[in-house]
């Protein structure tokens, strides 16, 4: 099996999938390998974790509907990619 290699845009697109532990093992390995070499993406992952923690503190135990979570995640990813270009 060939090891996946991700560019920054792929890592950013999958940041919340990675942070939430929802990525498959191959994707996680590819993201970790990329993070070992890319400080910019390490910073982005840290920002994503901070956003997630802030939302958790602000919302308590309430759970957002899946559709809303997906839209918010896509918007954050889109803005993050635009900032890096």
PDB file of N, CA and C in Angstrom:
ATOM      1  N   UNK A   1       0.841  -1.180   0.000  1.00  0.00           N
ATOM      2  CA  UNK A   1       0.000   0.000   0.000  1.00  0.00           C
ATOM      3  C   UNK A   1       0.884   1.241   0.000  1.00  0.00           C
ATOM      4  N   UNK A   2       0.555   2.232  -0.829  1.00  0.00           N
ATOM      5  CA  UNK A   2       1.307   3.467  -0.942  1.00  0.00           C
ATOM      6  C   UNK A   2       0.885   4.434   0.157  1.00  0.00           C
ATOM      7  N   UNK A   3       1.892   5.053   0.759  1.00  0.00           N
ATOM      8  CA  UNK A   3       1.617   6.026   1.816  1.00  0.00           C
ATOM      9  C   UNK A   3       1.091   7.321   1.211  1.00  0.00           C
ATOM     10  N   UNK A   4       0.048   7.877   1.823  1.00  0.00           N
ATOM     11  CA  UNK A   4      -0.517   9.143   1.361  1.00  0.00           C
ATOM     12  C   UNK A   4       0.410  10.288   1.726  1.00  0.00           C
ATOM     13  N   UNK A   5       0.499  11.265   0.835  1.00  0.00           N
ATOM     14  CA  UNK A   5       1.262  12.475   1.099  1.00  0.00           C
ATOM     15  C   UNK A   5       0.305  13.645   0.903  1.00  0.00           C
ATOM     16  N   UNK A   6       0.157  14.466   1.911  1.00  0.00           N
ATOM     17  CA  UNK A   6      -0.762  15.594   1.855  1.00  0.00           C
ATOM     18  C   UNK A   6      -0.006  16.902   1.710  1.00  0.00           C
ATOM     19  N   UNK A   7      -0.571  17.787   0.907  1.00  0.00           N
ATOM     20  CA  UNK A   7      -0.115  19.171   0.824  1.00  0.00           C
ATOM     21  C   UNK A   7      -0.876  19.962   1.889  1.00  0.00           C
ATOM     22  N   UNK A   8      -0.496  21.210   2.100  1.00  0.00           N
ATOM     23  CA  UNK A   8      -1.135  22.051   3.115  1.00  0.00           C
ATOM     24  C   UNK A   8      -2.649  22.138   2.914  1.00  0.00           C
ATOM     25  N   UNK A   9      -3.096  22.316   1.677  1.00  0.00           N
ATOM     26  CA  UNK A   9      -4.527  22.482   1.437  1.00  0.00           C
ATOM     27  C   UNK A   9      -5.315  21.257   1.879  1.00  0.00           C
ATOM     28  N   UNK A  10      -4.760  20.078   1.696  1.00  0.00           N
ATOM     29  CA  UNK A  10      -5.449  18.849   2.109  1.00  0.00           C
ATOM     30  C   UNK A  10      -5.489  18.753   3.635  1.00  0.00           C
ATOM     31  N   UNK A  11      -4.397  19.119   4.287  1.00  0.00           N
ATOM     32  CA  UNK A  11      -4.360  19.095   5.757  1.00  0.00           C
ATOM     33  C   UNK A  11      -5.391  20.073   6.315  1.00  0.00           C
ATOM     34  N   UNK A  12      -5.430  21.286   5.755  1.00  0.00           N
ATOM     35  CA  UNK A  12      -6.369  22.294   6.228  1.00  0.00           C
ATOM     36  C   UNK A  12      -7.804  21.843   5.991  1.00  0.00           C
ATOM     37  N   UNK A  13      -8.055  21.233   4.855  1.00  0.00           N
ATOM     38  CA  UNK A  13      -9.409  20.769   4.533  1.00  0.00           C
ATOM     39  C   UNK A  13      -9.876  19.686   5.496  1.00  0.00           C
ATOM     40  N   UNK A  14      -8.940  18.974   6.093  1.00  0.00           N
ATOM     41  CA  UNK A  14      -9.297  17.863   6.978  1.00  0.00           C
ATOM     42  C   UNK A  14      -8.987  18.134   8.448  1.00  0.00           C
ATOM     43  N   UNK A  15      -8.705  19.391   8.780  1.00  0.00           N
ATOM     44  CA  UNK A  15      -8.253  19.724  10.130  1.00  0.00           C
ATOM     45  C   UNK A  15      -9.243  19.270  11.210  1.00  0.00           C
ATOM     46  N   UNK A  16     -10.530  19.526  11.021  1.00  0.00           N
ATOM     47  CA  UNK A  16     -11.486  19.159  12.075  1.00  0.00           C
ATOM     48  C   UNK A  16     -11.757  17.661  12.107  1.00  0.00           C
ATOM     49  N   UNK A  17     -11.702  17.036  10.972  1.00  0.00           N
ATOM     50  CA  UNK A  17     -11.813  15.573  10.916  1.00  0.00           C
ATOM     51  C   UNK A  17     -10.659  14.953  11.729  1.00  0.00           C
ATOM     52  N   UNK A  18      -9.471  15.523  11.596  1.00  0.00           N
ATOM     53  CA  UNK A  18      -8.298  15.058  12.326  1.00  0.00           C
ATOM     54  C   UNK A  18      -8.421  15.354  13.821  1.00  0.00           C
ATOM     55  N   UNK A  19      -8.761  16.592  14.157  1.00  0.00           N
ATOM     56  CA  UNK A  19      -8.879  16.993  15.565  1.00  0.00           C
ATOM     57  C   UNK A  19      -9.943  16.181  16.291  1.00  0.00           C
ATOM     58  N   UNK A  20     -11.057  15.920  15.610  1.00  0.00           N
ATOM     59  CA  UNK A  20     -12.164  15.186  16.226  1.00  0.00           C
ATOM     60  C   UNK A  20     -11.942  13.681  16.268  1.00  0.00           C
ATOM     61  N   UNK A  21     -10.831  13.204  15.709  1.00  0.00           N
ATOM     62  CA  UNK A  21     -10.550  11.772  15.713  1.00  0.00           C
ATOM     63  C   UNK A  21     -11.444  11.002  14.762  1.00  0.00           C
ATOM     64  N   UNK A  22     -11.956  11.678  13.732  1.00  0.00           N
ATOM     65  CA  UNK A  22     -12.867  11.041  12.790  1.00  0.00           C
ATOM     66  C   UNK A  22     -12.167  10.591  11.512  1.00  0.00           C
ATOM     67  N   UNK A  23     -10.904  10.938  11.357  1.00  0.00           N
ATOM     68  CA  UNK A  23     -10.151  10.552  10.159  1.00  0.00           C
ATOM     69  C   UNK A  23      -9.714   9.095  10.271  1.00  0.00           C
ATOM     70  N   UNK A  24      -9.634   8.430   9.121  1.00  0.00           N
ATOM     71  CA  UNK A  24      -9.179   7.038   9.127  1.00  0.00           C
ATOM     72  C   UNK A  24      -7.678   7.005   9.442  1.00  0.00           C
ATOM     73  N   UNK A  25      -7.157   5.842   9.840  1.00  0.00           N
ATOM     74  CA  UNK A  25      -5.748   5.748  10.250  1.00  0.00           C
ATOM     75  C   UNK A  25      -4.749   6.218   9.189  1.00  0.00           C
ATOM     76  N   UNK A  26      -5.013   5.947   7.920  1.00  0.00           N
ATOM     77  CA  UNK A  26      -4.098   6.380   6.856  1.00  0.00           C
ATOM     78  C   UNK A  26      -4.079   7.905   6.740  1.00  0.00           C
ATOM     79  N   UNK A  27      -5.247   8.515   6.840  1.00  0.00           N
ATOM     80  CA  UNK A  27      -5.333   9.976   6.783  1.00  0.00           C
ATOM     81  C   UNK A  27      -4.613  10.591   7.976  1.00  0.00           C
ATOM     82  N   UNK A  28      -4.826  10.039   9.162  1.00  0.00           N
ATOM     83  CA  UNK A  28      -4.144  10.548  10.362  1.00  0.00           C
ATOM     84  C   UNK A  28      -2.627  10.462  10.204  1.00  0.00           C
ATOM     85  N   UNK A  29      -2.147   9.346   9.671  1.00  0.00           N
ATOM     86  CA  UNK A  29      -0.704   9.166   9.476  1.00  0.00           C
ATOM     87  C   UNK A  29      -0.167  10.194   8.482  1.00  0.00           C
ATOM     88  N   UNK A  30      -0.905  10.443   7.405  1.00  0.00           N
ATOM     89  CA  UNK A  30      -0.468  11.417   6.402  1.00  0.00           C
ATOM     90  C   UNK A  30      -0.449  12.826   6.990  1.00  0.00           C
ATOM     91  N   UNK A  31      -1.448  13.153   7.788  1.00  0.00           N
ATOM     92  CA  UNK A  31      -1.493  14.482   8.409  1.00  0.00           C
ATOM     93  C   UNK A  31      -0.360  14.621   9.413  1.00  0.00           C
ATOM     94  N   UNK A  32      -0.135  13.606  10.227  1.00  0.00           N
ATOM     95  CA  UNK A  32       0.965  13.673  11.208  1.00  0.00           C
ATOM     96  C   UNK A  32       2.312  13.834  10.504  1.00  0.00           C
ATOM     97  N   UNK A  33       2.516  13.098   9.399  1.00  0.00           N
ATOM     98  CA  UNK A  33       3.771  13.212   8.649  1.00  0.00           C
ATOM     99  C   UNK A  33       3.944  14.629   8.114  1.00  0.00           C
ATOM    100  N   UNK A  34       2.877  15.217   7.618  1.00  0.00           N
ATOM    101  CA  UNK A  34       2.935  16.586   7.113  1.00  0.00           C
ATOM    102  C   UNK A  34       3.244  17.561   8.245  1.00  0.00           C
ATOM    103  N   UNK A  35       2.601  17.363   9.385  1.00  0.00           N
ATOM    104  CA  UNK A  35       2.791  18.276  10.518  1.00  0.00           C
ATOM    105  C   UNK A  35       4.227  18.251  11.043  1.00  0.00           C
ATOM    106  N   UNK A  36       4.919  17.146  10.855  1.00  0.00           N
ATOM    107  CA  UNK A  36       6.315  17.073  11.295  1.00  0.00           C
ATOM    108  C   UNK A  36       7.204  18.030  10.509  1.00  0.00           C
ATOM    109  N   UNK A  37       6.737  18.422   9.309  1.00  0.00           N
ATOM    110  CA  UNK A  37       7.546  19.256   8.431  1.00  0.00           C
ATOM    111  C   UNK A  37       6.998  20.660   8.210  1.00  0.00           C
ATOM    112  N   UNK A  38       5.778  20.932   8.662  1.00  0.00           N
ATOM    113  CA  UNK A  38       5.117  22.193   8.306  1.00  0.00           C
ATOM    114  C   UNK A  38       4.611  22.932   9.545  1.00  0.00           C
ATOM    115  N   UNK A  39       5.349  23.932   9.954  1.00  0.00           N
ATOM    116  CA  UNK A  39       4.984  24.697  11.141  1.00  0.00           C
ATOM    117  C   UNK A  39       3.693  25.486  10.937  1.00  0.00           C
ATOM    118  N   UNK A  40       3.456  25.954   9.718  1.00  0.00           N
ATOM    119  CA  UNK A  40       2.240  26.702   9.416  1.00  0.00           C
ATOM    120  C   UNK A  40       0.999  25.854   9.693  1.00  0.00           C
ATOM    121  N   UNK A  41       1.023  24.609   9.267  1.00  0.00           N
ATOM    122  CA  UNK A  41      -0.125  23.731   9.500  1.00  0.00           C
ATOM    123  C   UNK A  41      -0.235  23.336  10.973  1.00  0.00           C
ATOM    124  N   UNK A  42       0.883  23.244  11.659  1.00  0.00           N
ATOM    125  CA  UNK A  42       0.845  22.980  13.106  1.00  0.00           C
ATOM    126  C   UNK A  42       0.101  24.115  13.798  1.00  0.00           C
ATOM    127  N   UNK A  43       0.395  25.355  13.380  1.00  0.00           N
ATOM    128  CA  UNK A  43      -0.295  26.516  13.944  1.00  0.00           C
ATOM    129  C   UNK A  43      -1.793  26.451  13.646  1.00  0.00           C
ATOM    130  N   UNK A  44      -2.143  26.046  12.431  1.00  0.00           N
ATOM    131  CA  UNK A  44      -3.547  25.951  12.039  1.00  0.00           C
ATOM    132  C   UNK A  44      -4.270  24.893  12.860  1.00  0.00           C
ATOM    133  N   UNK A  45      -3.637  23.765  13.085  1.00  0.00           N
ATOM    134  CA  UNK A  45      -4.231  22.708  13.913  1.00  0.00           C
ATOM    135  C   UNK A  45      -4.454  23.247  15.327  1.00  0.00           C
ATOM    136  N   UNK A  46      -3.474  23.985  15.845  1.00  0.00           N
ATOM    137  CA  UNK A  46      -3.616  24.578  17.177  1.00  0.00           C
ATOM    138  C   UNK A  46      -4.772  25.554  17.244  1.00  0.00           C
ATOM    139  N   UNK A  47      -4.941  26.351  16.190  1.00  0.00           N
ATOM    140  CA  UNK A  47      -6.069  27.287  16.136  1.00  0.00           C
ATOM    141  C   UNK A  47      -7.393  26.531  16.108  1.00  0.00           C
ATOM    142  N   UNK A  48      -7.430  25.448  15.353  1.00  0.00           N
ATOM    143  CA  UNK A  48      -8.645  24.642  15.277  1.00  0.00           C
ATOM    144  C   UNK A  48      -9.010  24.053  16.632  1.00  0.00           C
ATOM    145  N   UNK A  49      -7.999  23.599  17.361  1.00  0.00           N
ATOM    146  CA  UNK A  49      -8.246  23.051  18.689  1.00  0.00           C
ATOM    147  C   UNK A  49      -8.734  24.144  19.635  1.00  0.00           C
ATOM    148  N   UNK A  50      -8.188  25.344  19.498  1.00  0.00           N
ATOM    149  CA  UNK A  50      -8.630  26.461  20.337  1.00  0.00           C
ATOM    150  C   UNK A  50     -10.081  26.831  20.048  1.00  0.00           C
ATOM    151  N   UNK A  51     -10.431  26.867  18.763  1.00  0.00           N
ATOM    152  CA  UNK A  51     -11.819  27.165  18.384  1.00  0.00           C
ATOM    153  C   UNK A  51     -12.758  26.109  18.948  1.00  0.00           C
ATOM    154  N   UNK A  52     -12.372  24.861  18.826  1.00  0.00           N
ATOM    155  CA  UNK A  52     -13.203  23.767  19.334  1.00  0.00           C
ATOM    156  C   UNK A  52     -13.394  23.896  20.845  1.00  0.00           C
ATOM    157  N   UNK A  53     -12.330  24.208  21.570  1.00  0.00           N
ATOM    158  CA  UNK A  53     -12.426  24.357  23.024  1.00  0.00           C
ATOM    159  C   UNK A  53     -13.299  25.554  23.399  1.00  0.00           C
ATOM    160  N   UNK A  54     -13.155  26.656  22.673  1.00  0.00           N
ATOM    161  CA  UNK A  54     -13.962  27.842  22.932  1.00  0.00           C
ATOM    162  C   UNK A  54     -15.447  27.550  22.718  1.00  0.00           C
ATOM    163  N   UNK A  55     -15.765  26.894  21.635  1.00  0.00           N
ATOM    164  CA  UNK A  55     -17.160  26.548  21.353  1.00  0.00           C
ATOM    165  C   UNK A  55     -17.701  25.613  22.440  1.00  0.00           C
ATOM    166  N   UNK A  56     -16.905  24.659  22.867  1.00  0.00           N
ATOM    167  CA  UNK A  56     -17.347  23.726  23.910  1.00  0.00           C
ATOM    168  C   UNK A  56     -17.645  24.470  25.215  1.00  0.00           C
ATOM    169  N   UNK A  57     -16.783  25.436  25.561  1.00  0.00           N
ATOM    170  CA  UNK A  57     -17.019  26.205  26.790  1.00  0.00           C
ATOM    171  C   UNK A  57     -18.262  27.077  26.664  1.00  0.00           C
ATOM    172  N   UNK A  58     -18.441  27.669  25.504  1.00  0.00           N
ATOM    173  CA  UNK A  58     -19.561  28.593  25.302  1.00  0.00           C
ATOM    174  C   UNK A  58     -20.898  27.880  25.201  1.00  0.00           C
ATOM    175  N   UNK A  59     -20.891  26.681  24.666  1.00  0.00           N
ATOM    176  CA  UNK A  59     -22.157  25.977  24.400  1.00  0.00           C
ATOM    177  C   UNK A  59     -22.488  24.927  25.451  1.00  0.00           C
ATOM    178  N   UNK A  60     -21.574  24.658  26.346  1.00  0.00           N
ATOM    179  CA  UNK A  60     -21.842  23.648  27.369  1.00  0.00           C
ATOM    180  C   UNK A  60     -22.120  22.296  26.757  1.00  0.00           C
ATOM    181  N   UNK A  61     -23.185  21.681  27.168  1.00  0.00           N
ATOM    182  CA  UNK A  61     -23.500  20.320  26.733  1.00  0.00           C
ATOM    183  C   UNK A  61     -24.397  20.282  25.501  1.00  0.00           C
ATOM    184  N   UNK A  62     -24.826  21.434  25.012  1.00  0.00           N
ATOM    185  CA  UNK A  62     -25.700  21.448  23.849  1.00  0.00           C
ATOM    186  C   UNK A  62     -24.950  20.957  22.627  1.00  0.00           C
ATOM    187  N   UNK A  63     -25.639  20.198  21.801  1.00  0.00           N
ATOM    188  CA  UNK A  63     -25.045  19.669  20.589  1.00  0.00           C
ATOM    189  C   UNK A  63     -25.690  20.327  19.380  1.00  0.00           C
ATOM    190  N   UNK A  64     -24.855  20.848  18.487  1.00  0.00           N
ATOM    191  CA  UNK A  64     -25.366  21.476  17.268  1.00  0.00           C
ATOM    192  C   UNK A  64     -25.836  20.400  16.297  1.00  0.00           C
ATOM    193  N   UNK A  65     -26.831  20.715  15.492  1.00  0.00           N
ATOM    194  CA  UNK A  65     -27.269  19.768  14.467  1.00  0.00           C
ATOM    195  C   UNK A  65     -26.118  19.478  13.495  1.00  0.00           C
ATOM    196  N   UNK A  66     -26.076  18.265  12.964  1.00  0.00           N
ATOM    197  CA  UNK A  66     -24.991  17.860  12.065  1.00  0.00           C
ATOM    198  C   UNK A  66     -24.828  18.815  10.881  1.00  0.00           C
ATOM    199  N   UNK A  67     -25.939  19.250  10.307  1.00  0.00           N
ATOM    200  CA  UNK A  67     -25.865  20.144   9.147  1.00  0.00           C
ATOM    201  C   UNK A  67     -25.162  21.454   9.507  1.00  0.00           C
ATOM    202  N   UNK A  68     -25.466  21.989  10.666  1.00  0.00           N
ATOM    203  CA  UNK A  68     -24.827  23.224  11.109  1.00  0.00           C
ATOM    204  C   UNK A  68     -23.342  23.005  11.344  1.00  0.00           C
ATOM    205  N   UNK A  69     -22.993  21.921  11.986  1.00  0.00           N
ATOM    206  CA  UNK A  69     -21.588  21.616  12.246  1.00  0.00           C
ATOM    207  C   UNK A  69     -20.807  21.526  10.940  1.00  0.00           C
ATOM    208  N   UNK A  70     -21.386  20.887   9.937  1.00  0.00           N
ATOM    209  CA  UNK A  70     -20.715  20.745   8.649  1.00  0.00           C
ATOM    210  C   UNK A  70     -20.534  22.094   7.967  1.00  0.00           C
ATOM    211  N   UNK A  71     -21.573  22.941   8.010  1.00  0.00           N
ATOM    212  CA  UNK A  71     -21.482  24.263   7.381  1.00  0.00           C
ATOM    213  C   UNK A  71     -20.423  25.123   8.068  1.00  0.00           C
ATOM    214  N   UNK A  72     -20.396  25.106   9.385  1.00  0.00           N
ATOM    215  CA  UNK A  72     -19.410  25.894  10.127  1.00  0.00           C
ATOM    216  C   UNK A  72     -18.004  25.389   9.817  1.00  0.00           C
ATOM    217  N   UNK A  73     -17.824  24.083   9.823  1.00  0.00           N
ATOM    218  CA  UNK A  73     -16.523  23.500   9.521  1.00  0.00           C
ATOM    219  C   UNK A  73     -16.061  23.866   8.114  1.00  0.00           C
ATOM    220  N   UNK A  74     -16.964  23.800   7.137  1.00  0.00           N
ATOM    221  CA  UNK A  74     -16.611  24.147   5.762  1.00  0.00           C
ATOM    222  C   UNK A  74     -16.246  25.622   5.645  1.00  0.00           C
ATOM    223  N   UNK A  75     -16.962  26.478   6.348  1.00  0.00           N
ATOM    224  CA  UNK A  75     -16.677  27.910   6.301  1.00  0.00           C
ATOM    225  C   UNK A  75     -15.320  28.213   6.922  1.00  0.00           C
ATOM    226  N   UNK A  76     -15.043  27.633   8.059  1.00  0.00           N
ATOM    227  CA  UNK A  76     -13.748  27.846   8.717  1.00  0.00           C
ATOM    228  C   UNK A  76     -12.627  27.348   7.826  1.00  0.00           C
ATOM    229  N   UNK A  77     -12.787  26.185   7.236  1.00  0.00           N
ATOM    230  CA  UNK A  77     -11.773  25.627   6.340  1.00  0.00           C
ATOM    231  C   UNK A  77     -11.554  26.543   5.149  1.00  0.00           C
ATOM    232  N   UNK A  78     -12.625  27.036   4.565  1.00  0.00           N
ATOM    233  CA  UNK A  78     -12.545  27.919   3.408  1.00  0.00           C
ATOM    234  C   UNK A  78     -11.791  29.203   3.747  1.00  0.00           C
ATOM    235  N   UNK A  79     -12.130  29.809   4.866  1.00  0.00           N
ATOM    236  CA  UNK A  79     -11.468  31.049   5.286  1.00  0.00           C
ATOM    237  C   UNK A  79      -9.991  30.784   5.561  1.00  0.00           C
ATOM    238  N   UNK A  80      -9.672  29.683   6.207  1.00  0.00           N
ATOM    239  CA  UNK A  80      -8.298  29.339   6.531  1.00  0.00           C
ATOM    240  C   UNK A  80      -7.480  29.150   5.259  1.00  0.00           C
ATOM    241  N   UNK A  81      -8.032  28.468   4.268  1.00  0.00           N
ATOM    242  CA  UNK A  81      -7.327  28.247   3.011  1.00  0.00           C
ATOM    243  C   UNK A  81      -7.094  29.583   2.303  1.00  0.00           C
ATOM    244  N   UNK A  82      -8.098  30.453   2.297  1.00  0.00           N
ATOM    245  CA  UNK A  82      -7.966  31.762   1.657  1.00  0.00           C
ATOM    246  C   UNK A  82      -6.856  32.575   2.318  1.00  0.00           C
ATOM    247  N   UNK A  83      -6.750  32.481   3.635  1.00  0.00           N
ATOM    248  CA  UNK A  83      -5.723  33.233   4.361  1.00  0.00           C
ATOM    249  C   UNK A  83      -4.327  32.746   4.020  1.00  0.00           C
ATOM    250  N   UNK A  84      -4.186  31.458   3.720  1.00  0.00           N
ATOM    251  CA  UNK A  84      -2.877  30.900   3.430  1.00  0.00           C
ATOM    252  C   UNK A  84      -2.438  31.124   1.985  1.00  0.00           C
ATOM    253  N   UNK A  85      -3.360  31.483   1.120  1.00  0.00           N
ATOM    254  CA  UNK A  85      -2.999  31.676  -0.290  1.00  0.00           C
ATOM    255  C   UNK A  85      -2.337  32.990  -0.534  1.00  0.00           C
TER     256      UNK A  85
END
